[in-house]
Amino acid sequence: MPADKKQKLDFDTQKPETLLERVILSSTKPNALVLDVFGGSGTTAAVAEKLGRRWITTDMGKAACMIMRKRLIDQDAKPFLFQHIGDYQVEQMRSTMGSRFRIGDLAEIVLGLYGTLPLPAEENPNKNMGRLQGSKTLVLADSPNKMTGLATLRRAIEIRDNLMGGWDKVVILGWNFSPTIGHDIEALGQGDSLEVLVIPPDLLDRLKKKGKKLKPDEVRFSSLQYLKLGNIKRKATSDKESLTVALDNYVLLSPDALNLDEKNKSKLEQVVNDDPLALIEYWSVDPDYDGEVFRSVWQDYRGNTENDDDPYHVVTTAQLTGLPKKEGKRRVCVRVVDVFGFEAEATIEVA
């Protein structure tokens, strides 16, 4: 049953609000809790909100989560909590290595594969820090059960400057990252004294297969992906404004860190070199970003042929028209999700 045209978000599995209204009204009372674990375009949550029900919705697809969030914000929903849930690496390891396995044990394994030496136990009770031999470089392995974000960066800087007399550099190894991580690193202005690297997503699978036989030279910790914007054009009329926002480049973490066979790694490397924007699954634009709530007013995704006839690429230029006129600079924010589910963000001020 397709969605009503006026509600259509160009999401493949979207259902009409009238159908969900019928289901929710017939099966729940006001203030009841409605759960949809396959949220998709967010119709269930949107209708539950309108009908005065509480709701919980989830989705593994990051593009779907962004669409749901925008939809609820656009309909002026009551305040709601939007959370990224970390992967279940520790639980997976416990199933292989026993119930006594702890996060600190996983951090210790990760640090060993990175090539660090342990710190004294009294300085490192959580077993999540190490040092590189022959240098004043501290390495911190973040928890897989949380997002590596600004709070992690600030804590790492504080530890770098104070632990054991201080260090020249701190390297953070992370599993999951906040969408603003690239902006946060740049804003902190730490230069070469702060580095953030990605723990290979398939590391647990490889540990299950090889265990202690997995060697450091077989594991690659890669740099974060980042998004680069082209020139943004701003044009004003008497009471409205328009913006032209262009994507310039998208740099993905090394293909070696992805769980791909050699043939597909080779294909991916070719795409990375020749057509990197083809890796973008979804992107959206907030033309007046306040630094806290991202409000998308334009979006495109692969397979959407309304903006162009190419089902394998997003359009790389967004035309935003009819924006309220604003005095002074605009802070424009762009968020992307790539085909592997990685997120990146870029923010720029336009005079």
C-alpha atoms as a PDB file:
ATOM      1  CA  MET A   1       0.000   0.000   0.000  1.00  0.00           C
ATOM      2  CA  PRO A   2       1.833   3.148  -1.155  1.00  0.00           C
ATOM      3  CA  ALA A   3       2.160   6.366   0.805  1.00  0.00           C
ATOM      4  CA  ASP A   4      -0.179   9.287   0.183  1.00  0.00           C
ATOM      5  CA  LYS A   5       1.358  11.661  -2.362  1.00  0.00           C
ATOM      6  CA  LYS A   6       1.359  14.668  -0.034  1.00  0.00           C
ATOM      7  CA  GLN A   7       3.248  12.637   2.612  1.00  0.00           C
ATOM      8  CA  LYS A   8       5.636  10.908   0.207  1.00  0.00           C
ATOM      9  CA  LEU A   9       9.310  11.012   1.221  1.00  0.00           C
ATOM     10  CA  ASP A  10      10.537   8.834  -1.681  1.00  0.00           C
ATOM     11  CA  PHE A  11      11.324   6.020   0.762  1.00  0.00           C
ATOM     12  CA  ASP A  12      10.794   2.568  -0.743  1.00  0.00           C
ATOM     13  CA  THR A  13       8.852   0.985   2.131  1.00  0.00           C
ATOM     14  CA  GLN A  14       6.881   4.048   3.222  1.00  0.00           C
ATOM     15  CA  LYS A  15       3.226   3.410   4.173  1.00  0.00           C
ATOM     16  CA  PRO A  16       0.348   5.936   4.244  1.00  0.00           C
ATOM     17  CA  GLU A  17      -0.402   7.697   7.506  1.00  0.00           C
ATOM     18  CA  THR A  18      -4.096   6.788   7.195  1.00  0.00           C
ATOM     19  CA  LEU A  19      -3.210   3.092   7.437  1.00  0.00           C
ATOM     20  CA  LEU A  20      -1.074   3.599  10.557  1.00  0.00           C
ATOM     21  CA  GLU A  21      -3.758   5.811  12.101  1.00  0.00           C
ATOM     22  CA  ARG A  22      -6.256   2.965  11.744  1.00  0.00           C
ATOM     23  CA  VAL A  23      -3.860   0.443  13.314  1.00  0.00           C
ATOM     24  CA  ILE A  24      -2.802   2.667  16.218  1.00  0.00           C
ATOM     25  CA  LEU A  25      -6.315   3.915  17.042  1.00  0.00           C
ATOM     26  CA  SER A  26      -7.736   0.392  17.046  1.00  0.00           C
ATOM     27  CA  SER A  27      -4.991  -1.157  19.173  1.00  0.00           C
ATOM     28  CA  THR A  28      -3.868   1.520  21.659  1.00  0.00           C
ATOM     29  CA  LYS A  29      -5.182   4.150  24.033  1.00  0.00           C
ATOM     30  CA  PRO A  30      -3.861   7.726  24.443  1.00  0.00           C
ATOM     31  CA  ASN A  31      -0.398   7.850  26.047  1.00  0.00           C
ATOM     32  CA  ALA A  32       0.213   4.164  25.223  1.00  0.00           C
ATOM     33  CA  LEU A  33       3.688   3.169  24.043  1.00  0.00           C
ATOM     34  CA  VAL A  34       4.084   2.284  20.349  1.00  0.00           C
ATOM     35  CA  LEU A  35       7.197   0.396  19.189  1.00  0.00           C
ATOM     36  CA  ASP A  36       8.443   0.108  15.600  1.00  0.00           C
ATOM     37  CA  VAL A  37      11.837  -1.603  15.337  1.00  0.00           C
ATOM     38  CA  PHE A  38      11.963  -1.217  11.550  1.00  0.00           C
ATOM     39  CA  GLY A  39      11.330   2.522  11.468  1.00  0.00           C
ATOM     40  CA  GLY A  40      12.043   3.194   7.791  1.00  0.00           C
ATOM     41  CA  SER A  41      10.661   6.627   6.922  1.00  0.00           C
ATOM     42  CA  GLY A  42       9.260   7.127  10.434  1.00  0.00           C
ATOM     43  CA  THR A  43       5.541   6.922   9.622  1.00  0.00           C
ATOM     44  CA  THR A  44       4.677   4.922  12.762  1.00  0.00           C
ATOM     45  CA  ALA A  45       6.440   7.376  15.074  1.00  0.00           C
ATOM     46  CA  ALA A  46       5.023  10.396  13.231  1.00  0.00           C
ATOM     47  CA  VAL A  47       1.442   9.107  13.477  1.00  0.00           C
ATOM     48  CA  ALA A  48       1.862   7.978  17.093  1.00  0.00           C
ATOM     49  CA  GLU A  49       3.115  11.466  17.948  1.00  0.00           C
ATOM     50  CA  LYS A  50       0.105  13.116  16.275  1.00  0.00           C
ATOM     51  CA  LEU A  51      -2.305  10.782  18.086  1.00  0.00           C
ATOM     52  CA  GLY A  52      -0.839  11.485  21.533  1.00  0.00           C
ATOM     53  CA  ARG A  53       0.972   8.175  21.953  1.00  0.00           C
ATOM     54  CA  ARG A  54       4.478   7.694  23.242  1.00  0.00           C
ATOM     55  CA  TRP A  55       6.773   5.931  20.801  1.00  0.00           C
ATOM     56  CA  ILE A  56      10.106   4.209  20.295  1.00  0.00           C
ATOM     57  CA  THR A  57      11.470   3.600  16.814  1.00  0.00           C
ATOM     58  CA  THR A  58      14.752   2.195  15.517  1.00  0.00           C
ATOM     59  CA  ASP A  59      16.460   1.423  12.234  1.00  0.00           C
ATOM     60  CA  MET A  60      19.886   0.052  11.305  1.00  0.00           C
ATOM     61  CA  GLY A  61      20.055   2.287   8.212  1.00  0.00           C
ATOM     62  CA  LYS A  62      21.604   5.669   8.944  1.00  0.00           C
ATOM     63  CA  ALA A  63      19.831   7.327   6.025  1.00  0.00           C
ATOM     64  CA  ALA A  64      16.500   6.099   7.432  1.00  0.00           C
ATOM     65  CA  CYS A  65      17.363   7.518  10.861  1.00  0.00           C
ATOM     66  CA  MET A  66      18.145  10.907   9.349  1.00  0.00           C
ATOM     67  CA  ILE A  67      14.852  10.909   7.398  1.00  0.00           C
ATOM     68  CA  MET A  68      12.868   9.945  10.520  1.00  0.00           C
ATOM     69  CA  ARG A  69      14.554  12.633  12.597  1.00  0.00           C
ATOM     70  CA  LYS A  70      13.875  15.335  10.012  1.00  0.00           C
ATOM     71  CA  ARG A  71      10.250  14.243   9.660  1.00  0.00           C
ATOM     72  CA  LEU A  72       9.589  14.497  13.386  1.00  0.00           C
ATOM     73  CA  ILE A  73      11.327  17.865  13.666  1.00  0.00           C
ATOM     74  CA  ASP A  74       9.359  19.206  10.696  1.00  0.00           C
ATOM     75  CA  GLN A  75       6.035  18.247  12.295  1.00  0.00           C
ATOM     76  CA  ASP A  76       7.050  20.014  15.545  1.00  0.00           C
ATOM     77  CA  ALA A  77       7.087  16.843  17.620  1.00  0.00           C
ATOM     78  CA  LYS A  78       7.578  17.114  21.359  1.00  0.00           C
ATOM     79  CA  PRO A  79      11.217  16.837  22.516  1.00  0.00           C
ATOM     80  CA  PHE A  80      12.589  13.361  21.822  1.00  0.00           C
ATOM     81  CA  LEU A  81      15.872  11.541  22.373  1.00  0.00           C
ATOM     82  CA  PHE A  82      17.924  10.623  19.288  1.00  0.00           C
ATOM     83  CA  GLN A  83      20.659   8.107  20.101  1.00  0.00           C
ATOM     84  CA  HIS A  84      23.352   6.232  18.220  1.00  0.00           C
ATOM     85  CA  ILE A  85      23.668   2.804  19.820  1.00  0.00           C
ATOM     86  CA  GLY A  86      27.153   1.306  19.787  1.00  0.00           C
ATOM     87  CA  ASP A  87      27.844  -2.046  18.221  1.00  0.00           C
ATOM     88  CA  TYR A  88      27.850  -5.132  20.420  1.00  0.00           C
ATOM     89  CA  GLN A  89      31.515  -6.024  20.117  1.00  0.00           C
ATOM     90  CA  VAL A  90      31.995  -6.998  23.754  1.00  0.00           C
ATOM     91  CA  GLU A  91      28.952  -9.281  23.765  1.00  0.00           C
ATOM     92  CA  GLN A  92      30.243 -10.957  20.609  1.00  0.00           C
ATOM     93  CA  MET A  93      33.645 -11.509  22.198  1.00  0.00           C
ATOM     94  CA  ARG A  94      32.079 -12.957  25.350  1.00  0.00           C
ATOM     95  CA  SER A  95      30.315 -15.562  23.239  1.00  0.00           C
ATOM     96  CA  THR A  96      33.724 -16.612  21.920  1.00  0.00           C
ATOM     97  CA  MET A  97      36.067 -16.033  24.874  1.00  0.00           C
ATOM     98  CA  GLY A  98      33.812 -16.549  27.889  1.00  0.00           C
ATOM     99  CA  SER A  99      31.500 -14.532  30.145  1.00  0.00           C
ATOM    100  CA  ARG A 100      34.396 -12.983  32.094  1.00  0.00           C
ATOM    101  CA  PHE A 101      35.577 -11.057  29.039  1.00  0.00           C
ATOM    102  CA  ARG A 102      35.434  -7.282  29.691  1.00  0.00           C
ATOM    103  CA  ILE A 103      35.756  -4.066  27.668  1.00  0.00           C
ATOM    104  CA  GLY A 104      39.240  -3.585  29.100  1.00  0.00           C
ATOM    105  CA  ASP A 105      40.258  -6.973  27.707  1.00  0.00           C
ATOM    106  CA  LEU A 106      39.123  -5.954  24.228  1.00  0.00           C
ATOM    107  CA  ALA A 107      40.942  -2.614  24.547  1.00  0.00           C
ATOM    108  CA  GLU A 108      44.094  -4.496  25.546  1.00  0.00           C
ATOM    109  CA  ILE A 109      43.834  -6.673  22.417  1.00  0.00           C
ATOM    110  CA  VAL A 110      43.278  -3.623  20.182  1.00  0.00           C
ATOM    111  CA  LEU A 111      46.268  -1.797  21.684  1.00  0.00           C
ATOM    112  CA  GLY A 112      48.458  -4.852  21.186  1.00  0.00           C
ATOM    113  CA  LEU A 113      47.472  -5.077  17.526  1.00  0.00           C
ATOM    114  CA  TYR A 114      48.308  -1.383  17.126  1.00  0.00           C
ATOM    115  CA  GLY A 115      51.764  -2.122  18.483  1.00  0.00           C
ATOM    116  CA  THR A 116      51.740  -0.377  21.836  1.00  0.00           C
ATOM    117  CA  LEU A 117      53.516  -1.218  25.059  1.00  0.00           C
ATOM    118  CA  PRO A 118      51.429  -1.347  28.265  1.00  0.00           C
ATOM    119  CA  LEU A 119      51.424   1.436  30.837  1.00  0.00           C
ATOM    120  CA  PRO A 120      51.940   0.690  34.542  1.00  0.00           C
ATOM    121  CA  ALA A 121      48.788  -0.875  36.002  1.00  0.00           C
ATOM    122  CA  GLU A 122      48.388   1.875  38.597  1.00  0.00           C
ATOM    123  CA  GLU A 123      48.223   4.484  35.789  1.00  0.00           C
ATOM    124  CA  ASN A 124      45.975   2.380  33.568  1.00  0.00           C
ATOM    125  CA  PRO A 125      43.363   0.505  35.654  1.00  0.00           C
ATOM    126  CA  ASN A 126      40.963   0.162  32.695  1.00  0.00           C
ATOM    127  CA  LYS A 127      43.683  -1.305  30.453  1.00  0.00           C
ATOM    128  CA  ASN A 128      42.651   1.054  27.630  1.00  0.00           C
ATOM    129  CA  MET A 129      45.923   2.994  27.202  1.00  0.00           C
ATOM    130  CA  GLY A 130      49.369   2.186  25.882  1.00  0.00           C
ATOM    131  CA  ARG A 131      52.486   3.886  24.517  1.00  0.00           C
ATOM    132  CA  LEU A 132      54.523   3.626  21.363  1.00  0.00           C
ATOM    133  CA  GLN A 133      58.106   2.534  21.931  1.00  0.00           C
ATOM    134  CA  GLY A 134      60.746   5.155  21.211  1.00  0.00           C
ATOM    135  CA  SER A 135      58.389   8.123  21.304  1.00  0.00           C
ATOM    136  CA  LYS A 136      56.270  10.220  23.636  1.00  0.00           C
ATOM    137  CA  THR A 137      53.037   9.029  21.998  1.00  0.00           C
ATOM    138  CA  LEU A 138      50.112   7.898  24.120  1.00  0.00           C
ATOM    139  CA  VAL A 139      47.469   5.622  22.560  1.00  0.00           C
ATOM    140  CA  LEU A 140      43.910   5.381  23.895  1.00  0.00           C
ATOM    141  CA  ALA A 141      41.466   2.659  22.787  1.00  0.00           C
ATOM    142  CA  ASP A 142      37.907   3.934  23.105  1.00  0.00           C
ATOM    143  CA  SER A 143      34.971   1.799  24.217  1.00  0.00           C
ATOM    144  CA  PRO A 144      32.965   0.009  21.498  1.00  0.00           C
ATOM    145  CA  ASN A 145      29.775   0.701  23.436  1.00  0.00           C
ATOM    146  CA  LYS A 146      29.794   4.444  22.853  1.00  0.00           C
ATOM    147  CA  MET A 147      30.397   7.042  20.162  1.00  0.00           C
ATOM    148  CA  THR A 148      33.822   8.654  19.888  1.00  0.00           C
ATOM    149  CA  GLY A 149      33.034  12.365  19.885  1.00  0.00           C
ATOM    150  CA  LEU A 150      33.979  15.741  21.314  1.00  0.00           C
ATOM    151  CA  ALA A 151      33.893  14.574  24.947  1.00  0.00           C
ATOM    152  CA  THR A 152      36.330  11.758  24.112  1.00  0.00           C
ATOM    153  CA  LEU A 153      38.667  14.157  22.315  1.00  0.00           C
ATOM    154  CA  ARG A 154      38.736  16.590  25.233  1.00  0.00           C
ATOM    155  CA  ARG A 155      39.355  13.803  27.738  1.00  0.00           C
ATOM    156  CA  ALA A 156      42.198  12.433  25.594  1.00  0.00           C
ATOM    157  CA  ILE A 157      43.818  15.882  25.394  1.00  0.00           C
ATOM    158  CA  GLU A 158      43.602  16.259  29.170  1.00  0.00           C
ATOM    159  CA  ILE A 159      45.176  12.829  29.705  1.00  0.00           C
ATOM    160  CA  ARG A 160      47.897  13.609  27.151  1.00  0.00           C
ATOM    161  CA  ASP A 161      48.840  16.800  28.971  1.00  0.00           C
ATOM    162  CA  ASN A 162      48.788  15.436  32.516  1.00  0.00           C
ATOM    163  CA  LEU A 163      49.365  11.678  32.706  1.00  0.00           C
ATOM    164  CA  MET A 164      52.871  10.628  33.805  1.00  0.00           C
ATOM    165  CA  GLY A 165      54.329  14.067  33.153  1.00  0.00           C
ATOM    166  CA  GLY A 166      52.653  14.612  29.798  1.00  0.00           C
ATOM    167  CA  TRP A 167      53.034  13.322  26.238  1.00  0.00           C
ATOM    168  CA  ASP A 168      53.819  14.886  22.869  1.00  0.00           C
ATOM    169  CA  LYS A 169      50.882  13.236  21.098  1.00  0.00           C
ATOM    170  CA  VAL A 170      47.765  11.172  21.754  1.00  0.00           C
ATOM    171  CA  VAL A 171      46.229   8.713  19.279  1.00  0.00           C
ATOM    172  CA  ILE A 172      42.593   7.679  19.767  1.00  0.00           C
ATOM    173  CA  LEU A 173      41.442   4.343  18.339  1.00  0.00           C
ATOM    174  CA  GLY A 174      37.652   4.300  17.926  1.00  0.00           C
ATOM    175  CA  TRP A 175      34.885   1.941  16.824  1.00  0.00           C
ATOM    176  CA  ASN A 176      31.938   4.315  16.310  1.00  0.00           C
ATOM    177  CA  PHE A 177      32.075   8.050  15.632  1.00  0.00           C
ATOM    178  CA  SER A 178      29.745  11.012  16.014  1.00  0.00           C
ATOM    179  CA  PRO A 179      28.784  12.688  12.716  1.00  0.00           C
ATOM    180  CA  THR A 180      30.606  15.850  13.814  1.00  0.00           C
ATOM    181  CA  ILE A 181      33.919  14.164  14.652  1.00  0.00           C
ATOM    182  CA  GLY A 182      35.802  15.735  11.728  1.00  0.00           C
ATOM    183  CA  HIS A 183      34.562  19.214  12.597  1.00  0.00           C
ATOM    184  CA  ASP A 184      35.363  18.646  16.294  1.00  0.00           C
ATOM    185  CA  ILE A 185      38.951  17.612  15.544  1.00  0.00           C
ATOM    186  CA  GLU A 186      39.463  20.682  13.370  1.00  0.00           C
ATOM    187  CA  ALA A 187      37.850  23.031  15.897  1.00  0.00           C
ATOM    188  CA  LEU A 188      40.132  21.835  18.717  1.00  0.00           C
ATOM    189  CA  GLY A 189      43.166  22.936  16.689  1.00  0.00           C
ATOM    190  CA  GLN A 190      45.580  20.369  18.124  1.00  0.00           C
ATOM    191  CA  GLY A 191      47.480  19.733  14.893  1.00  0.00           C
ATOM    192  CA  ASP A 192      49.739  16.687  14.916  1.00  0.00           C
ATOM    193  CA  SER A 193      49.441  16.245  18.691  1.00  0.00           C
ATOM    194  CA  LEU A 194      45.983  14.660  18.293  1.00  0.00           C
ATOM    195  CA  GLU A 195      45.156  11.837  15.876  1.00  0.00           C
ATOM    196  CA  VAL A 196      41.996   9.751  15.520  1.00  0.00           C
ATOM    197  CA  LEU A 197      42.049   6.373  13.783  1.00  0.00           C
ATOM    198  CA  VAL A 198      39.376   3.811  12.907  1.00  0.00           C
ATOM    199  CA  ILE A 199      39.501   0.298  14.342  1.00  0.00           C
ATOM    200  CA  PRO A 200      38.806  -2.087  11.423  1.00  0.00           C
ATOM    201  CA  PRO A 201      35.072  -2.926  11.386  1.00  0.00           C
ATOM    202  CA  ASP A 202      35.792  -6.604  10.722  1.00  0.00           C
ATOM    203  CA  LEU A 203      38.325  -6.978  13.545  1.00  0.00           C
ATOM    204  CA  LEU A 204      36.064  -9.149  15.703  1.00  0.00           C
ATOM    205  CA  ASP A 205      35.372 -11.546  12.853  1.00  0.00           C
ATOM    206  CA  ARG A 206      39.095 -11.899  12.263  1.00  0.00           C
ATOM    207  CA  LEU A 207      39.769 -12.428  15.970  1.00  0.00           C
ATOM    208  CA  LYS A 208      37.155 -15.197  16.066  1.00  0.00           C
ATOM    209  CA  LYS A 209      38.832 -16.933  13.149  1.00  0.00           C
ATOM    210  CA  LYS A 210      42.480 -16.444  14.133  1.00  0.00           C
ATOM    211  CA  GLY A 211      42.426 -15.520  17.814  1.00  0.00           C
ATOM    212  CA  LYS A 212      45.910 -14.859  19.185  1.00  0.00           C
ATOM    213  CA  LYS A 213      47.414 -15.830  15.829  1.00  0.00           C
ATOM    214  CA  LEU A 214      46.288 -12.471  14.388  1.00  0.00           C
ATOM    215  CA  LYS A 215      49.411 -10.305  14.084  1.00  0.00           C
ATOM    216  CA  PRO A 216      49.753  -6.485  14.210  1.00  0.00           C
ATOM    217  CA  ASP A 217      51.055  -6.311  10.635  1.00  0.00           C
ATOM    218  CA  GLU A 218      47.784  -7.907   9.447  1.00  0.00           C
ATOM    219  CA  VAL A 219      45.616  -5.117  10.901  1.00  0.00           C
ATOM    220  CA  ARG A 220      45.340  -1.632   9.429  1.00  0.00           C
ATOM    221  CA  PHE A 221      44.024   1.297  11.476  1.00  0.00           C
ATOM    222  CA  SER A 222      42.819   3.923   9.024  1.00  0.00           C
ATOM    223  CA  SER A 223      42.134   7.633   9.100  1.00  0.00           C
ATOM    224  CA  LEU A 224      38.584   8.966   9.244  1.00  0.00           C
ATOM    225  CA  GLN A 225      36.595   9.752   6.141  1.00  0.00           C
ATOM    226  CA  TYR A 226      35.908  13.406   5.438  1.00  0.00           C
ATOM    227  CA  LEU A 227      33.734  15.547   3.207  1.00  0.00           C
ATOM    228  CA  LYS A 228      34.881  18.563   1.217  1.00  0.00           C
ATOM    229  CA  LEU A 229      32.409  21.121  -0.106  1.00  0.00           C
ATOM    230  CA  GLY A 230      32.727  23.166  -3.276  1.00  0.00           C
ATOM    231  CA  ASN A 231      31.876  26.853  -3.530  1.00  0.00           C
ATOM    232  CA  ILE A 232      28.531  27.828  -2.019  1.00  0.00           C
ATOM    233  CA  LYS A 233      26.645  30.568  -3.837  1.00  0.00           C
ATOM    234  CA  ARG A 234      24.206  32.785  -1.974  1.00  0.00           C
ATOM    235  CA  LYS A 235      21.738  35.033  -3.769  1.00  0.00           C
ATOM    236  CA  ALA A 236      19.160  37.357  -2.216  1.00  0.00           C
ATOM    237  CA  THR A 237      16.019  38.991  -3.564  1.00  0.00           C
ATOM    238  CA  SER A 238      13.802  41.477  -1.754  1.00  0.00           C
ATOM    239  CA  ASP A 239      12.525  39.036   0.880  1.00  0.00           C
ATOM    240  CA  LYS A 240      13.945  35.593   0.021  1.00  0.00           C
ATOM    241  CA  GLU A 241      17.296  33.886  -0.521  1.00  0.00           C
ATOM    242  CA  SER A 242      18.620  30.997  -2.558  1.00  0.00           C
ATOM    243  CA  LEU A 243      21.673  28.807  -2.029  1.00  0.00           C
ATOM    244  CA  THR A 244      23.631  26.581  -4.359  1.00  0.00           C
ATOM    245  CA  VAL A 245      25.575  23.942  -2.417  1.00  0.00           C
ATOM    246  CA  ALA A 246      28.014  21.637  -4.210  1.00  0.00           C
ATOM    247  CA  LEU A 247      29.906  18.546  -3.083  1.00  0.00           C
ATOM    248  CA  ASP A 248      33.554  18.613  -4.107  1.00  0.00           C
ATOM    249  CA  ASN A 249      35.132  15.429  -2.741  1.00  0.00           C
ATOM    250  CA  TYR A 250      34.562  12.544  -0.369  1.00  0.00           C
ATOM    251  CA  VAL A 251      37.517  10.682   1.079  1.00  0.00           C
ATOM    252  CA  LEU A 252      36.761   7.234   2.475  1.00  0.00           C
ATOM    253  CA  LEU A 253      38.847   5.327   4.986  1.00  0.00           C
ATOM    254  CA  SER A 254      41.233   2.883   3.359  1.00  0.00           C
ATOM    255  CA  PRO A 255      39.564  -0.069   1.604  1.00  0.00           C
ATOM    256  CA  ASP A 256      41.962  -2.307   3.539  1.00  0.00           C
ATOM    257  CA  ALA A 257      39.919  -1.653   6.683  1.00  0.00           C
ATOM    258  CA  LEU A 258      36.714  -2.984   5.133  1.00  0.00           C
ATOM    259  CA  ASN A 259      35.625  -6.604   5.116  1.00  0.00           C
ATOM    260  CA  LEU A 260      35.975  -7.109   1.344  1.00  0.00           C
ATOM    261  CA  ASP A 261      37.701  -9.731  -0.743  1.00  0.00           C
ATOM    262  CA  GLU A 262      40.627  -8.697  -2.933  1.00  0.00           C
ATOM    263  CA  LYS A 263      38.514  -8.386  -6.082  1.00  0.00           C
ATOM    264  CA  ASN A 264      36.032  -6.013  -4.471  1.00  0.00           C
ATOM    265  CA  LYS A 265      38.783  -4.069  -2.699  1.00  0.00           C
ATOM    266  CA  SER A 266      40.344  -3.435  -6.086  1.00  0.00           C
ATOM    267  CA  LYS A 267      37.011  -2.233  -7.480  1.00  0.00           C
ATOM    268  CA  LEU A 268      36.494   0.022  -4.478  1.00  0.00           C
ATOM    269  CA  GLU A 269      39.957   1.538  -4.832  1.00  0.00           C
ATOM    270  CA  GLN A 270      39.131   2.398  -8.433  1.00  0.00           C
ATOM    271  CA  VAL A 271      35.907   4.132  -7.376  1.00  0.00           C
ATOM    272  CA  VAL A 272      37.729   5.987  -4.579  1.00  0.00           C
ATOM    273  CA  ASN A 273      40.286   7.272  -7.079  1.00  0.00           C
ATOM    274  CA  ASP A 274      38.032   7.951 -10.086  1.00  0.00           C
ATOM    275  CA  ASP A 275      34.551   8.723  -8.758  1.00  0.00           C
ATOM    276  CA  PRO A 276      34.566   9.185  -4.950  1.00  0.00           C
ATOM    277  CA  LEU A 277      31.175  10.921  -4.815  1.00  0.00           C
ATOM    278  CA  ALA A 278      29.627   7.680  -6.117  1.00  0.00           C
ATOM    279  CA  LEU A 279      30.154   6.304  -2.581  1.00  0.00           C
ATOM    280  CA  ILE A 280      27.581   8.696  -1.123  1.00  0.00           C
ATOM    281  CA  GLU A 281      24.269   7.022  -0.350  1.00  0.00           C
ATOM    282  CA  TYR A 282      22.457  10.048   1.094  1.00  0.00           C
ATOM    283  CA  TRP A 283      23.148  13.703   1.784  1.00  0.00           C
ATOM    284  CA  SER A 284      21.205  16.589   3.243  1.00  0.00           C
ATOM    285  CA  VAL A 285      21.613  20.321   3.814  1.00  0.00           C
ATOM    286  CA  ASP A 286      20.781  22.603   6.735  1.00  0.00           C
ATOM    287  CA  PRO A 287      21.137  26.179   5.414  1.00  0.00           C
ATOM    288  CA  ASP A 288      20.976  27.785   8.862  1.00  0.00           C
ATOM    289  CA  TYR A 289      22.729  25.393  11.248  1.00  0.00           C
ATOM    290  CA  ASP A 290      22.758  26.463  14.899  1.00  0.00           C
ATOM    291  CA  GLY A 291      25.459  23.997  15.919  1.00  0.00           C
ATOM    292  CA  GLU A 292      23.057  21.786  17.883  1.00  0.00           C
ATOM    293  CA  VAL A 293      19.950  20.682  15.960  1.00  0.00           C
ATOM    294  CA  PHE A 294      20.445  19.713  12.304  1.00  0.00           C
ATOM    295  CA  ARG A 295      17.307  20.668  10.342  1.00  0.00           C
ATOM    296  CA  SER A 296      17.459  19.343   6.804  1.00  0.00           C
ATOM    297  CA  VAL A 297      15.541  21.346   4.192  1.00  0.00           C
ATOM    298  CA  TRP A 298      16.934  19.456   1.204  1.00  0.00           C
ATOM    299  CA  GLN A 299      18.108  15.861   0.695  1.00  0.00           C
ATOM    300  CA  ASP A 300      18.919  13.365  -2.021  1.00  0.00           C
ATOM    301  CA  TYR A 301      19.811   9.682  -2.052  1.00  0.00           C
ATOM    302  CA  ARG A 302      20.950   7.054  -4.520  1.00  0.00           C
ATOM    303  CA  GLY A 303      18.049   5.632  -6.447  1.00  0.00           C
ATOM    304  CA  ASN A 304      16.024   8.843  -6.284  1.00  0.00           C
ATOM    305  CA  THR A 305      15.462   9.633  -9.966  1.00  0.00           C
ATOM    306  CA  GLU A 306      13.282  12.680  -9.332  1.00  0.00           C
ATOM    307  CA  ASN A 307      16.355  14.920  -9.124  1.00  0.00           C
ATOM    308  CA  ASP A 308      18.133  13.238 -12.045  1.00  0.00           C
ATOM    309  CA  ASP A 309      18.002  10.077 -14.163  1.00  0.00           C
ATOM    310  CA  ASP A 310      21.013   8.372 -12.550  1.00  0.00           C
ATOM    311  CA  PRO A 311      20.015   5.647 -10.047  1.00  0.00           C
ATOM    312  CA  TYR A 312      23.649   5.021  -9.011  1.00  0.00           C
ATOM    313  CA  HIS A 313      24.658   8.541  -7.965  1.00  0.00           C
ATOM    314  CA  VAL A 314      23.252  11.295  -5.832  1.00  0.00           C
ATOM    315  CA  VAL A 315      23.101  14.708  -7.438  1.00  0.00           C
ATOM    316  CA  THR A 316      26.207  16.628  -6.411  1.00  0.00           C
ATOM    317  CA  THR A 317      24.678  20.113  -6.405  1.00  0.00           C
ATOM    318  CA  ALA A 318      21.713  21.212  -4.303  1.00  0.00           C
ATOM    319  CA  GLN A 319      19.533  24.169  -5.262  1.00  0.00           C
ATOM    320  CA  LEU A 320      17.752  25.649  -2.241  1.00  0.00           C
ATOM    321  CA  THR A 321      15.213  28.343  -3.076  1.00  0.00           C
ATOM    322  CA  GLY A 322      12.647  30.354  -1.152  1.00  0.00           C
ATOM    323  CA  LEU A 323      14.730  30.535   2.022  1.00  0.00           C
ATOM    324  CA  PRO A 324      13.842  33.301   4.514  1.00  0.00           C
ATOM    325  CA  LYS A 325      16.153  36.257   4.052  1.00  0.00           C
ATOM    326  CA  LYS A 326      18.824  36.537   6.737  1.00  0.00           C
ATOM    327  CA  GLU A 327      21.141  39.390   7.637  1.00  0.00           C
ATOM    328  CA  GLY A 328      24.813  38.555   8.054  1.00  0.00           C
ATOM    329  CA  LYS A 329      26.493  35.214   7.505  1.00  0.00           C
ATOM    330  CA  ARG A 330      24.768  31.875   7.039  1.00  0.00           C
ATOM    331  CA  ARG A 331      26.184  28.753   8.644  1.00  0.00           C
ATOM    332  CA  VAL A 332      25.554  25.951   6.161  1.00  0.00           C
ATOM    333  CA  CYS A 333      25.938  22.329   7.279  1.00  0.00           C
ATOM    334  CA  VAL A 334      26.005  19.260   5.025  1.00  0.00           C
ATOM    335  CA  ARG A 335      25.753  15.679   6.275  1.00  0.00           C
ATOM    336  CA  VAL A 336      26.382  12.568   4.205  1.00  0.00           C
ATOM    337  CA  VAL A 337      26.008   8.822   4.722  1.00  0.00           C
ATOM    338  CA  ASP A 338      28.063   6.586   2.446  1.00  0.00           C
ATOM    339  CA  VAL A 339      27.254   3.130   1.074  1.00  0.00           C
ATOM    340  CA  PHE A 340      29.031   1.486   4.038  1.00  0.00           C
ATOM    341  CA  GLY A 341      27.019   3.438   6.612  1.00  0.00           C
ATOM    342  CA  PHE A 342      29.827   5.831   7.578  1.00  0.00           C
ATOM    343  CA  GLU A 343      28.787   9.424   8.270  1.00  0.00           C
ATOM    344  CA  ALA A 344      30.596  12.676   7.601  1.00  0.00           C
ATOM    345  CA  GLU A 345      29.765  16.332   8.045  1.00  0.00           C
ATOM    346  CA  ALA A 346      31.071  19.656   6.754  1.00  0.00           C
ATOM    347  CA  THR A 347      30.132  23.146   7.937  1.00  0.00           C
ATOM    348  CA  ILE A 348      30.923  26.447   6.252  1.00  0.00           C
ATOM    349  CA  GLU A 349      29.948  30.083   6.807  1.00  0.00           C
ATOM    350  CA  VAL A 350      28.719  32.002   3.774  1.00  0.00           C
ATOM    351  CA  ALA A 351      28.669  35.789   3.645  1.00  0.00           C
END
